[in-house]
Amino acid sequence: MEFTFLCKNDTGIAAEFWEGSICPLMPFDCTEYEITAHGSSFHLVIGEHSYSRYIYIPTCGIAMDISYLDDRFWNREHLIQAFPELSLVDAISIVEALAAIKKHIDD
């Protein structure tokens, strides 16, 4: 079941908002999603190991540890630092999608 989320870039003079959508790829397993926002799409895999959580976005070659799904600041800063070729808009979209997934799981 697809659901939407709101993204906000407040790093400039005027805040920019856009909407994204999340489509779980495996209905009974909350680990794989198709994220679409601001003209970009990402196949997102979320995982957990003994001492941390991680994301994997195979189409972008992104694999990294993350904080909690809804830790927007840490996840965004780490994503931008580890993958400088990723646009700020795409980084925000990915981080906001993670927070929306957390909220969706908790509800």
PDB file of N, CA and C in Angstrom:
ATOM      1  N   MET A   1       0.836  -1.164   0.000  1.00  0.00           N
ATOM      2  CA  MET A   1       0.000   0.000   0.000  1.00  0.00           C
ATOM      3  C   MET A   1       0.893   1.243   0.000  1.00  0.00           C
ATOM      4  N   GLU A   2       0.769   2.053  -1.005  1.00  0.00           N
ATOM      5  CA  GLU A   2       1.572   3.257  -1.154  1.00  0.00           C
ATOM      6  C   GLU A   2       1.114   4.344  -0.179  1.00  0.00           C
ATOM      7  N   PHE A   3       2.075   5.124   0.328  1.00  0.00           N
ATOM      8  CA  PHE A   3       1.740   6.271   1.170  1.00  0.00           C
ATOM      9  C   PHE A   3       2.677   7.422   0.822  1.00  0.00           C
ATOM     10  N   THR A   4       2.313   8.642   1.237  1.00  0.00           N
ATOM     11  CA  THR A   4       3.065   9.824   0.860  1.00  0.00           C
ATOM     12  C   THR A   4       3.754  10.441   2.076  1.00  0.00           C
ATOM     13  N   PHE A   5       4.715  11.311   1.792  1.00  0.00           N
ATOM     14  CA  PHE A   5       5.426  12.045   2.838  1.00  0.00           C
ATOM     15  C   PHE A   5       5.796  13.422   2.300  1.00  0.00           C
ATOM     16  N   LEU A   6       6.089  14.344   3.202  1.00  0.00           N
ATOM     17  CA  LEU A   6       6.433  15.713   2.835  1.00  0.00           C
ATOM     18  C   LEU A   6       7.912  15.966   3.101  1.00  0.00           C
ATOM     19  N   CYS A   7       8.578  16.598   2.148  1.00  0.00           N
ATOM     20  CA  CYS A   7       9.989  16.956   2.294  1.00  0.00           C
ATOM     21  C   CYS A   7      10.107  18.464   2.409  1.00  0.00           C
ATOM     22  N   LYS A   8      11.125  18.917   3.152  1.00  0.00           N
ATOM     23  CA  LYS A   8      11.358  20.343   3.333  1.00  0.00           C
ATOM     24  C   LYS A   8      12.854  20.628   3.282  1.00  0.00           C
ATOM     25  N   ASN A   9      13.237  21.531   2.390  1.00  0.00           N
ATOM     26  CA  ASN A   9      14.616  22.008   2.331  1.00  0.00           C
ATOM     27  C   ASN A   9      14.610  23.419   2.897  1.00  0.00           C
ATOM     28  N   ASP A  10      15.128  23.567   4.093  1.00  0.00           N
ATOM     29  CA  ASP A  10      15.155  24.886   4.716  1.00  0.00           C
ATOM     30  C   ASP A  10      16.577  25.425   4.836  1.00  0.00           C
ATOM     31  N   THR A  11      17.447  25.001   3.923  1.00  0.00           N
ATOM     32  CA  THR A  11      18.834  25.451   3.970  1.00  0.00           C
ATOM     33  C   THR A  11      19.051  26.766   3.238  1.00  0.00           C
ATOM     34  N   GLY A  12      18.093  27.197   2.412  1.00  0.00           N
ATOM     35  CA  GLY A  12      18.242  28.441   1.665  1.00  0.00           C
ATOM     36  C   GLY A  12      17.469  29.580   2.291  1.00  0.00           C
ATOM     37  N   ILE A  13      17.311  30.639   1.531  1.00  0.00           N
ATOM     38  CA  ILE A  13      16.591  31.822   1.997  1.00  0.00           C
ATOM     39  C   ILE A  13      15.122  31.500   2.212  1.00  0.00           C
ATOM     40  N   ALA A  14      14.520  30.835   1.233  1.00  0.00           N
ATOM     41  CA  ALA A  14      13.110  30.449   1.347  1.00  0.00           C
ATOM     42  C   ALA A  14      13.021  28.925   1.391  1.00  0.00           C
ATOM     43  N   ALA A  15      12.185  28.425   2.256  1.00  0.00           N
ATOM     44  CA  ALA A  15      12.023  26.967   2.375  1.00  0.00           C
ATOM     45  C   ALA A  15      11.351  26.431   1.111  1.00  0.00           C
ATOM     46  N   GLU A  16      11.772  25.243   0.707  1.00  0.00           N
ATOM     47  CA  GLU A  16      11.189  24.560  -0.440  1.00  0.00           C
ATOM     48  C   GLU A  16      10.542  23.272   0.060  1.00  0.00           C
ATOM     49  N   PHE A  17       9.334  23.006  -0.405  1.00  0.00           N
ATOM     50  CA  PHE A  17       8.602  21.805  -0.007  1.00  0.00           C
ATOM     51  C   PHE A  17       8.294  20.968  -1.239  1.00  0.00           C
ATOM     52  N   TRP A  18       8.265  19.648  -1.071  1.00  0.00           N
ATOM     53  CA  TRP A  18       7.805  18.756  -2.116  1.00  0.00           C
ATOM     54  C   TRP A  18       7.289  17.479  -1.471  1.00  0.00           C
ATOM     55  N   GLU A  19       6.473  16.774  -2.211  1.00  0.00           N
ATOM     56  CA  GLU A  19       5.870  15.536  -1.715  1.00  0.00           C
ATOM     57  C   GLU A  19       6.555  14.349  -2.357  1.00  0.00           C
ATOM     58  N   GLY A  20       6.638  13.278  -1.611  1.00  0.00           N
ATOM     59  CA  GLY A  20       7.186  12.037  -2.129  1.00  0.00           C
ATOM     60  C   GLY A  20       6.228  10.894  -1.850  1.00  0.00           C
ATOM     61  N   SER A  21       6.475   9.762  -2.502  1.00  0.00           N
ATOM     62  CA  SER A  21       5.645   8.583  -2.247  1.00  0.00           C
ATOM     63  C   SER A  21       6.535   7.396  -1.931  1.00  0.00           C
ATOM     64  N   ILE A  22       5.993   6.509  -1.111  1.00  0.00           N
ATOM     65  CA  ILE A  22       6.702   5.306  -0.678  1.00  0.00           C
ATOM     66  C   ILE A  22       5.821   4.114  -1.001  1.00  0.00           C
ATOM     67  N   CYS A  23       6.389   3.163  -1.702  1.00  0.00           N
ATOM     68  CA  CYS A  23       5.657   1.949  -2.036  1.00  0.00           C
ATOM     69  C   CYS A  23       6.428   0.751  -1.480  1.00  0.00           C
ATOM     70  N   PRO A  24       5.897   0.117  -0.431  1.00  0.00           N
ATOM     71  CA  PRO A  24       6.564  -1.092   0.082  1.00  0.00           C
ATOM     72  C   PRO A  24       6.581  -2.163  -1.008  1.00  0.00           C
ATOM     73  N   LEU A  25       7.715  -2.785  -1.225  1.00  0.00           N
ATOM     74  CA  LEU A  25       7.827  -3.794  -2.279  1.00  0.00           C
ATOM     75  C   LEU A  25       7.476  -5.192  -1.794  1.00  0.00           C
ATOM     76  N   MET A  26       7.558  -5.416  -0.500  1.00  0.00           N
ATOM     77  CA  MET A  26       7.208  -6.717   0.057  1.00  0.00           C
ATOM     78  C   MET A  26       6.162  -6.454   1.137  1.00  0.00           C
ATOM     79  N   PRO A  27       4.900  -6.787   0.888  1.00  0.00           N
ATOM     80  CA  PRO A  27       3.813  -6.353   1.763  1.00  0.00           C
ATOM     81  C   PRO A  27       3.913  -6.773   3.236  1.00  0.00           C
ATOM     82  N   PHE A  28       4.578  -7.865   3.529  1.00  0.00           N
ATOM     83  CA  PHE A  28       4.633  -8.326   4.917  1.00  0.00           C
ATOM     84  C   PHE A  28       6.013  -8.179   5.535  1.00  0.00           C
ATOM     85  N   ASP A  29       6.919  -7.536   4.821  1.00  0.00           N
ATOM     86  CA  ASP A  29       8.284  -7.367   5.296  1.00  0.00           C
ATOM     87  C   ASP A  29       8.675  -5.906   5.101  1.00  0.00           C
ATOM     88  N   CYS A  30       8.895  -5.193   6.178  1.00  0.00           N
ATOM     89  CA  CYS A  30       9.179  -3.750   6.105  1.00  0.00           C
ATOM     90  C   CYS A  30      10.661  -3.484   5.877  1.00  0.00           C
ATOM     91  N   THR A  31      11.189  -3.988   4.772  1.00  0.00           N
ATOM     92  CA  THR A  31      12.607  -3.766   4.504  1.00  0.00           C
ATOM     93  C   THR A  31      12.892  -3.184   3.120  1.00  0.00           C
ATOM     94  N   GLU A  32      12.007  -3.341   2.156  1.00  0.00           N
ATOM     95  CA  GLU A  32      12.259  -2.851   0.796  1.00  0.00           C
ATOM     96  C   GLU A  32      11.157  -1.909   0.351  1.00  0.00           C
ATOM     97  N   TYR A  33      11.605  -0.758  -0.208  1.00  0.00           N
ATOM     98  CA  TYR A  33      10.664   0.269  -0.622  1.00  0.00           C
ATOM     99  C   TYR A  33      11.110   0.900  -1.931  1.00  0.00           C
ATOM    100  N   GLU A  34      10.154   1.386  -2.687  1.00  0.00           N
ATOM    101  CA  GLU A  34      10.426   2.227  -3.847  1.00  0.00           C
ATOM    102  C   GLU A  34      10.043   3.646  -3.443  1.00  0.00           C
ATOM    103  N   ILE A  35      11.016   4.537  -3.439  1.00  0.00           N
ATOM    104  CA  ILE A  35      10.830   5.925  -3.028  1.00  0.00           C
ATOM    105  C   ILE A  35      10.834   6.800  -4.279  1.00  0.00           C
ATOM    106  N   THR A  36       9.845   7.670  -4.400  1.00  0.00           N
ATOM    107  CA  THR A  36       9.793   8.624  -5.507  1.00  0.00           C
ATOM    108  C   THR A  36       9.548  10.008  -4.926  1.00  0.00           C
ATOM    109  N   ALA A  37      10.409  10.965  -5.286  1.00  0.00           N
ATOM    110  CA  ALA A  37      10.253  12.334  -4.794  1.00  0.00           C
ATOM    111  C   ALA A  37      11.042  13.292  -5.684  1.00  0.00           C
ATOM    112  N   HIS A  38      10.449  14.397  -6.007  1.00  0.00           N
ATOM    113  CA  HIS A  38      11.107  15.494  -6.726  1.00  0.00           C
ATOM    114  C   HIS A  38      11.776  15.016  -8.014  1.00  0.00           C
ATOM    115  N   GLY A  39      11.122  14.087  -8.717  1.00  0.00           N
ATOM    116  CA  GLY A  39      11.631  13.599 -10.001  1.00  0.00           C
ATOM    117  C   GLY A  39      12.643  12.478  -9.919  1.00  0.00           C
ATOM    118  N   SER A  40      12.971  12.005  -8.732  1.00  0.00           N
ATOM    119  CA  SER A  40      13.936  10.908  -8.566  1.00  0.00           C
ATOM    120  C   SER A  40      13.244   9.695  -7.965  1.00  0.00           C
ATOM    121  N   SER A  41      13.778   8.521  -8.269  1.00  0.00           N
ATOM    122  CA  SER A  41      13.274   7.273  -7.689  1.00  0.00           C
ATOM    123  C   SER A  41      14.438   6.478  -7.122  1.00  0.00           C
ATOM    124  N   PHE A  42      14.180   5.822  -5.999  1.00  0.00           N
ATOM    125  CA  PHE A  42      15.214   5.030  -5.332  1.00  0.00           C
ATOM    126  C   PHE A  42      14.619   3.719  -4.853  1.00  0.00           C
ATOM    127  N   HIS A  43      15.349   2.632  -5.067  1.00  0.00           N
ATOM    128  CA  HIS A  43      15.013   1.344  -4.465  1.00  0.00           C
ATOM    129  C   HIS A  43      15.774   1.320  -3.144  1.00  0.00           C
ATOM    130  N   LEU A  44      15.044   1.358  -2.043  1.00  0.00           N
ATOM    131  CA  LEU A  44      15.638   1.494  -0.714  1.00  0.00           C
ATOM    132  C   LEU A  44      15.471   0.200   0.069  1.00  0.00           C
ATOM    133  N   VAL A  45      16.576  -0.314   0.596  1.00  0.00           N
ATOM    134  CA  VAL A  45      16.557  -1.495   1.456  1.00  0.00           C
ATOM    135  C   VAL A  45      17.026  -1.043   2.840  1.00  0.00           C
ATOM    136  N   ILE A  46      16.241  -1.367   3.854  1.00  0.00           N
ATOM    137  CA  ILE A  46      16.581  -1.020   5.230  1.00  0.00           C
ATOM    138  C   ILE A  46      16.892  -2.305   5.976  1.00  0.00           C
ATOM    139  N   GLY A  47      17.991  -2.310   6.705  1.00  0.00           N
ATOM    140  CA  GLY A  47      18.364  -3.507   7.454  1.00  0.00           C
ATOM    141  C   GLY A  47      18.890  -3.169   8.827  1.00  0.00           C
ATOM    142  N   GLU A  48      19.119  -4.212   9.583  1.00  0.00           N
ATOM    143  CA  GLU A  48      19.633  -4.058  10.934  1.00  0.00           C
ATOM    144  C   GLU A  48      20.604  -5.206  11.199  1.00  0.00           C
ATOM    145  N   HIS A  49      21.705  -4.887  11.865  1.00  0.00           N
ATOM    146  CA  HIS A  49      22.621  -5.937  12.309  1.00  0.00           C
ATOM    147  C   HIS A  49      22.804  -5.805  13.810  1.00  0.00           C
ATOM    148  N   SER A  50      23.720  -6.514  14.385  1.00  0.00           N
ATOM    149  CA  SER A  50      23.794  -6.633  15.845  1.00  0.00           C
ATOM    150  C   SER A  50      23.980  -5.308  16.584  1.00  0.00           C
ATOM    151  N   TYR A  51      24.580  -4.316  15.964  1.00  0.00           N
ATOM    152  CA  TYR A  51      24.831  -3.075  16.690  1.00  0.00           C
ATOM    153  C   TYR A  51      24.420  -1.802  15.947  1.00  0.00           C
ATOM    154  N   SER A  52      23.718  -1.921  14.832  1.00  0.00           N
ATOM    155  CA  SER A  52      23.354  -0.723  14.082  1.00  0.00           C
ATOM    156  C   SER A  52      22.277  -1.017  13.043  1.00  0.00           C
ATOM    157  N   ARG A  53      21.837   0.027  12.373  1.00  0.00           N
ATOM    158  CA  ARG A  53      20.918  -0.076  11.253  1.00  0.00           C
ATOM    159  C   ARG A  53      21.648   0.430  10.010  1.00  0.00           C
ATOM    160  N   TYR A  54      21.156   0.050   8.830  1.00  0.00           N
ATOM    161  CA  TYR A  54      21.795   0.495   7.597  1.00  0.00           C
ATOM    162  C   TYR A  54      20.757   0.666   6.494  1.00  0.00           C
ATOM    163  N   ILE A  55      21.160   1.411   5.473  1.00  0.00           N
ATOM    164  CA  ILE A  55      20.363   1.489   4.250  1.00  0.00           C
ATOM    165  C   ILE A  55      21.253   1.067   3.094  1.00  0.00           C
ATOM    166  N   TYR A  56      20.595   0.569   2.086  1.00  0.00           N
ATOM    167  CA  TYR A  56      21.272   0.180   0.854  1.00  0.00           C
ATOM    168  C   TYR A  56      20.395   0.661  -0.287  1.00  0.00           C
ATOM    169  N   ILE A  57      20.983   1.449  -1.183  1.00  0.00           N
ATOM    170  CA  ILE A  57      20.275   1.938  -2.367  1.00  0.00           C
ATOM    171  C   ILE A  57      21.104   1.496  -3.568  1.00  0.00           C
ATOM    172  N   PRO A  58      20.818   0.317  -4.100  1.00  0.00           N
ATOM    173  CA  PRO A  58      21.685  -0.265  -5.124  1.00  0.00           C
ATOM    174  C   PRO A  58      21.816   0.575  -6.391  1.00  0.00           C
ATOM    175  N   THR A  59      20.768   1.265  -6.798  1.00  0.00           N
ATOM    176  CA  THR A  59      20.829   2.057  -8.028  1.00  0.00           C
ATOM    177  C   THR A  59      21.785   3.244  -7.918  1.00  0.00           C
ATOM    178  N   CYS A  60      22.102   3.659  -6.702  1.00  0.00           N
ATOM    179  CA  CYS A  60      23.025   4.788  -6.483  1.00  0.00           C
ATOM    180  C   CYS A  60      24.362   4.353  -5.902  1.00  0.00           C
ATOM    181  N   GLY A  61      24.518   3.076  -5.624  1.00  0.00           N
ATOM    182  CA  GLY A  61      25.743   2.599  -4.998  1.00  0.00           C
ATOM    183  C   GLY A  61      25.905   3.075  -3.566  1.00  0.00           C
ATOM    184  N   ILE A  62      24.787   3.278  -2.882  1.00  0.00           N
ATOM    185  CA  ILE A  62      24.818   3.776  -1.508  1.00  0.00           C
ATOM    186  C   ILE A  62      24.595   2.617  -0.541  1.00  0.00           C
ATOM    187  N   ALA A  63      25.508   2.469   0.381  1.00  0.00           N
ATOM    188  CA  ALA A  63      25.368   1.514   1.480  1.00  0.00           C
ATOM    189  C   ALA A  63      26.020   2.167   2.683  1.00  0.00           C
ATOM    190  N   MET A  64      25.241   2.372   3.743  1.00  0.00           N
ATOM    191  CA  MET A  64      25.789   3.057   4.911  1.00  0.00           C
ATOM    192  C   MET A  64      24.984   2.772   6.156  1.00  0.00           C
ATOM    193  N   ASP A  65      25.652   2.913   7.301  1.00  0.00           N
ATOM    194  CA  ASP A  65      24.957   2.834   8.579  1.00  0.00           C
ATOM    195  C   ASP A  65      24.125   4.087   8.751  1.00  0.00           C
ATOM    196  N   ILE A  66      23.009   3.941   9.448  1.00  0.00           N
ATOM    197  CA  ILE A  66      22.161   5.081   9.774  1.00  0.00           C
ATOM    198  C   ILE A  66      21.887   5.059  11.273  1.00  0.00           C
ATOM    199  N   SER A  67      21.392   6.166  11.755  1.00  0.00           N
ATOM    200  CA  SER A  67      20.943   6.248  13.138  1.00  0.00           C
ATOM    201  C   SER A  67      19.520   5.678  13.170  1.00  0.00           C
ATOM    202  N   TYR A  68      18.700   6.149  14.072  1.00  0.00           N
ATOM    203  CA  TYR A  68      17.294   5.763  14.060  1.00  0.00           C
ATOM    204  C   TYR A  68      16.664   6.263  12.768  1.00  0.00           C
ATOM    205  N   LEU A  69      15.629   5.593  12.300  1.00  0.00           N
ATOM    206  CA  LEU A  69      14.992   5.984  11.047  1.00  0.00           C
ATOM    207  C   LEU A  69      14.534   7.439  11.060  1.00  0.00           C
ATOM    208  N   ASP A  70      14.117   7.934  12.211  1.00  0.00           N
ATOM    209  CA  ASP A  70      13.598   9.302  12.276  1.00  0.00           C
ATOM    210  C   ASP A  70      14.625  10.327  12.775  1.00  0.00           C
ATOM    211  N   ASP A  71      15.891   9.976  12.786  1.00  0.00           N
ATOM    212  CA  ASP A  71      16.948  10.927  13.151  1.00  0.00           C
ATOM    213  C   ASP A  71      17.380  11.679  11.891  1.00  0.00           C
ATOM    214  N   ARG A  72      16.590  12.664  11.537  1.00  0.00           N
ATOM    215  CA  ARG A  72      16.797  13.386  10.280  1.00  0.00           C
ATOM    216  C   ARG A  72      18.172  14.056  10.205  1.00  0.00           C
ATOM    217  N   PHE A  73      18.573  14.737  11.267  1.00  0.00           N
ATOM    218  CA  PHE A  73      19.836  15.477  11.218  1.00  0.00           C
ATOM    219  C   PHE A  73      21.028  14.545  10.994  1.00  0.00           C
ATOM    220  N   TRP A  74      21.171  13.525  11.828  1.00  0.00           N
ATOM    221  CA  TRP A  74      22.325  12.630  11.713  1.00  0.00           C
ATOM    222  C   TRP A  74      22.328  11.915  10.367  1.00  0.00           C
ATOM    223  N   ASN A  75      21.186  11.381   9.974  1.00  0.00           N
ATOM    224  CA  ASN A  75      21.123  10.631   8.712  1.00  0.00           C
ATOM    225  C   ASN A  75      21.432  11.515   7.507  1.00  0.00           C
ATOM    226  N   ARG A  76      20.896  12.744   7.489  1.00  0.00           N
ATOM    227  CA  ARG A  76      21.163  13.647   6.365  1.00  0.00           C
ATOM    228  C   ARG A  76      22.632  14.036   6.316  1.00  0.00           C
ATOM    229  N   GLU A  77      23.192  14.446   7.443  1.00  0.00           N
ATOM    230  CA  GLU A  77      24.594  14.863   7.452  1.00  0.00           C
ATOM    231  C   GLU A  77      25.525  13.717   7.057  1.00  0.00           C
ATOM    232  N   HIS A  78      25.246  12.527   7.556  1.00  0.00           N
ATOM    233  CA  HIS A  78      26.077  11.371   7.231  1.00  0.00           C
ATOM    234  C   HIS A  78      25.950  11.012   5.748  1.00  0.00           C
ATOM    235  N   LEU A  79      24.743  11.069   5.219  1.00  0.00           N
ATOM    236  CA  LEU A  79      24.498  10.747   3.805  1.00  0.00           C
ATOM    237  C   LEU A  79      25.203  11.751   2.892  1.00  0.00           C
ATOM    238  N   ILE A  80      25.088  13.040   3.206  1.00  0.00           N
ATOM    239  CA  ILE A  80      25.723  14.079   2.389  1.00  0.00           C
ATOM    240  C   ILE A  80      27.242  13.969   2.454  1.00  0.00           C
ATOM    241  N   GLN A  81      27.761  13.690   3.638  1.00  0.00           N
ATOM    242  CA  GLN A  81      29.215  13.578   3.801  1.00  0.00           C
ATOM    243  C   GLN A  81      29.772  12.336   3.100  1.00  0.00           C
ATOM    244  N   ALA A  82      29.076  11.220   3.221  1.00  0.00           N
ATOM    245  CA  ALA A  82      29.568   9.970   2.637  1.00  0.00           C
ATOM    246  C   ALA A  82      29.375   9.911   1.120  1.00  0.00           C
ATOM    247  N   PHE A  83      28.361  10.618   0.610  1.00  0.00           N
ATOM    248  CA  PHE A  83      28.043  10.559  -0.822  1.00  0.00           C
ATOM    249  C   PHE A  83      27.834  11.974  -1.362  1.00  0.00           C
ATOM    250  N   PRO A  84      28.922  12.749  -1.516  1.00  0.00           N
ATOM    251  CA  PRO A  84      28.803  14.146  -1.933  1.00  0.00           C
ATOM    252  C   PRO A  84      28.212  14.317  -3.335  1.00  0.00           C
ATOM    253  N   GLU A  85      28.247  13.268  -4.141  1.00  0.00           N
ATOM    254  CA  GLU A  85      27.670  13.362  -5.490  1.00  0.00           C
ATOM    255  C   GLU A  85      26.143  13.346  -5.472  1.00  0.00           C
ATOM    256  N   LEU A  86      25.554  12.968  -4.362  1.00  0.00           N
ATOM    257  CA  LEU A  86      24.103  12.955  -4.199  1.00  0.00           C
ATOM    258  C   LEU A  86      23.619  14.389  -3.988  1.00  0.00           C
ATOM    259  N   SER A  87      22.598  14.793  -4.724  1.00  0.00           N
ATOM    260  CA  SER A  87      22.103  16.166  -4.567  1.00  0.00           C
ATOM    261  C   SER A  87      21.466  16.339  -3.194  1.00  0.00           C
ATOM    262  N   LEU A  88      21.438  17.569  -2.721  1.00  0.00           N
ATOM    263  CA  LEU A  88      20.820  17.876  -1.433  1.00  0.00           C
ATOM    264  C   LEU A  88      19.342  17.490  -1.450  1.00  0.00           C
ATOM    265  N   VAL A  89      18.664  17.762  -2.547  1.00  0.00           N
ATOM    266  CA  VAL A  89      17.239  17.419  -2.665  1.00  0.00           C
ATOM    267  C   VAL A  89      17.037  15.911  -2.528  1.00  0.00           C
ATOM    268  N   ASP A  90      17.876  15.113  -3.197  1.00  0.00           N
ATOM    269  CA  ASP A  90      17.747  13.658  -3.094  1.00  0.00           C
ATOM    270  C   ASP A  90      18.085  13.171  -1.689  1.00  0.00           C
ATOM    271  N   ALA A  91      19.098  13.755  -1.057  1.00  0.00           N
ATOM    272  CA  ALA A  91      19.447  13.369   0.314  1.00  0.00           C
ATOM    273  C   ALA A  91      18.289  13.665   1.260  1.00  0.00           C
ATOM    274  N   ILE A  92      17.693  14.842   1.132  1.00  0.00           N
ATOM    275  CA  ILE A  92      16.541  15.192   1.977  1.00  0.00           C
ATOM    276  C   ILE A  92      15.388  14.242   1.712  1.00  0.00           C
ATOM    277  N   SER A  93      15.135  13.926   0.454  1.00  0.00           N
ATOM    278  CA  SER A  93      14.047  13.004   0.111  1.00  0.00           C
ATOM    279  C   SER A  93      14.241  11.638   0.751  1.00  0.00           C
ATOM    280  N   ILE A  94      15.451  11.126   0.708  1.00  0.00           N
ATOM    281  CA  ILE A  94      15.751   9.819   1.301  1.00  0.00           C
ATOM    282  C   ILE A  94      15.568   9.862   2.814  1.00  0.00           C
ATOM    283  N   VAL A  95      16.095  10.900   3.446  1.00  0.00           N
ATOM    284  CA  VAL A  95      16.006  11.017   4.906  1.00  0.00           C
ATOM    285  C   VAL A  95      14.559  11.205   5.361  1.00  0.00           C
ATOM    286  N   GLU A  96      13.801  12.017   4.646  1.00  0.00           N
ATOM    287  CA  GLU A  96      12.392  12.211   5.003  1.00  0.00           C
ATOM    288  C   GLU A  96      11.596  10.921   4.774  1.00  0.00           C
ATOM    289  N   ALA A  97      11.968  10.156   3.751  1.00  0.00           N
ATOM    290  CA  ALA A  97      11.310   8.869   3.515  1.00  0.00           C
ATOM    291  C   ALA A  97      11.573   7.910   4.678  1.00  0.00           C
ATOM    292  N   LEU A  98      12.808   7.900   5.180  1.00  0.00           N
ATOM    293  CA  LEU A  98      13.122   7.041   6.327  1.00  0.00           C
ATOM    294  C   LEU A  98      12.252   7.403   7.526  1.00  0.00           C
ATOM    295  N   ALA A  99      12.119   8.697   7.802  1.00  0.00           N
ATOM    296  CA  ALA A  99      11.290   9.144   8.932  1.00  0.00           C
ATOM    297  C   ALA A  99       9.823   8.785   8.702  1.00  0.00           C
ATOM    298  N   ALA A 100       9.347   8.914   7.466  1.00  0.00           N
ATOM    299  CA  ALA A 100       7.955   8.567   7.155  1.00  0.00           C
ATOM    300  C   ALA A 100       7.718   7.071   7.297  1.00  0.00           C
ATOM    301  N   ILE A 101       8.699   6.261   6.923  1.00  0.00           N
ATOM    302  CA  ILE A 101       8.586   4.804   7.085  1.00  0.00           C
ATOM    303  C   ILE A 101       8.483   4.461   8.565  1.00  0.00           C
ATOM    304  N   LYS A 102       9.313   5.101   9.398  1.00  0.00           N
ATOM    305  CA  LYS A 102       9.254   4.880  10.848  1.00  0.00           C
ATOM    306  C   LYS A 102       7.868   5.211  11.383  1.00  0.00           C
ATOM    307  N   LYS A 103       7.340   6.353  10.982  1.00  0.00           N
ATOM    308  CA  LYS A 103       6.017   6.766  11.435  1.00  0.00           C
ATOM    309  C   LYS A 103       4.949   5.774  10.967  1.00  0.00           C
ATOM    310  N   HIS A 104       5.075   5.327   9.721  1.00  0.00           N
ATOM    311  CA  HIS A 104       4.105   4.385   9.154  1.00  0.00           C
ATOM    312  C   HIS A 104       4.154   3.041   9.896  1.00  0.00           C
ATOM    313  N   ILE A 105       5.337   2.590  10.235  1.00  0.00           N
ATOM    314  CA  ILE A 105       5.497   1.324  10.966  1.00  0.00           C
ATOM    315  C   ILE A 105       4.896   1.449  12.368  1.00  0.00           C
ATOM    316  N   ASP A 106       5.136   2.599  13.015  1.00  0.00           N
ATOM    317  CA  ASP A 106       4.672   2.809  14.388  1.00  0.00           C
ATOM    318  C   ASP A 106       3.154   2.988  14.489  1.00  0.00           C
ATOM    319  N   ASP A 107       2.533   3.501  13.428  1.00  0.00           N
ATOM    320  CA  ASP A 107       1.072   3.764  13.470  1.00  0.00           C
ATOM    321  C   ASP A 107       0.235   2.518  13.384  1.00  0.00           C
TER     322      ASP A 107
END
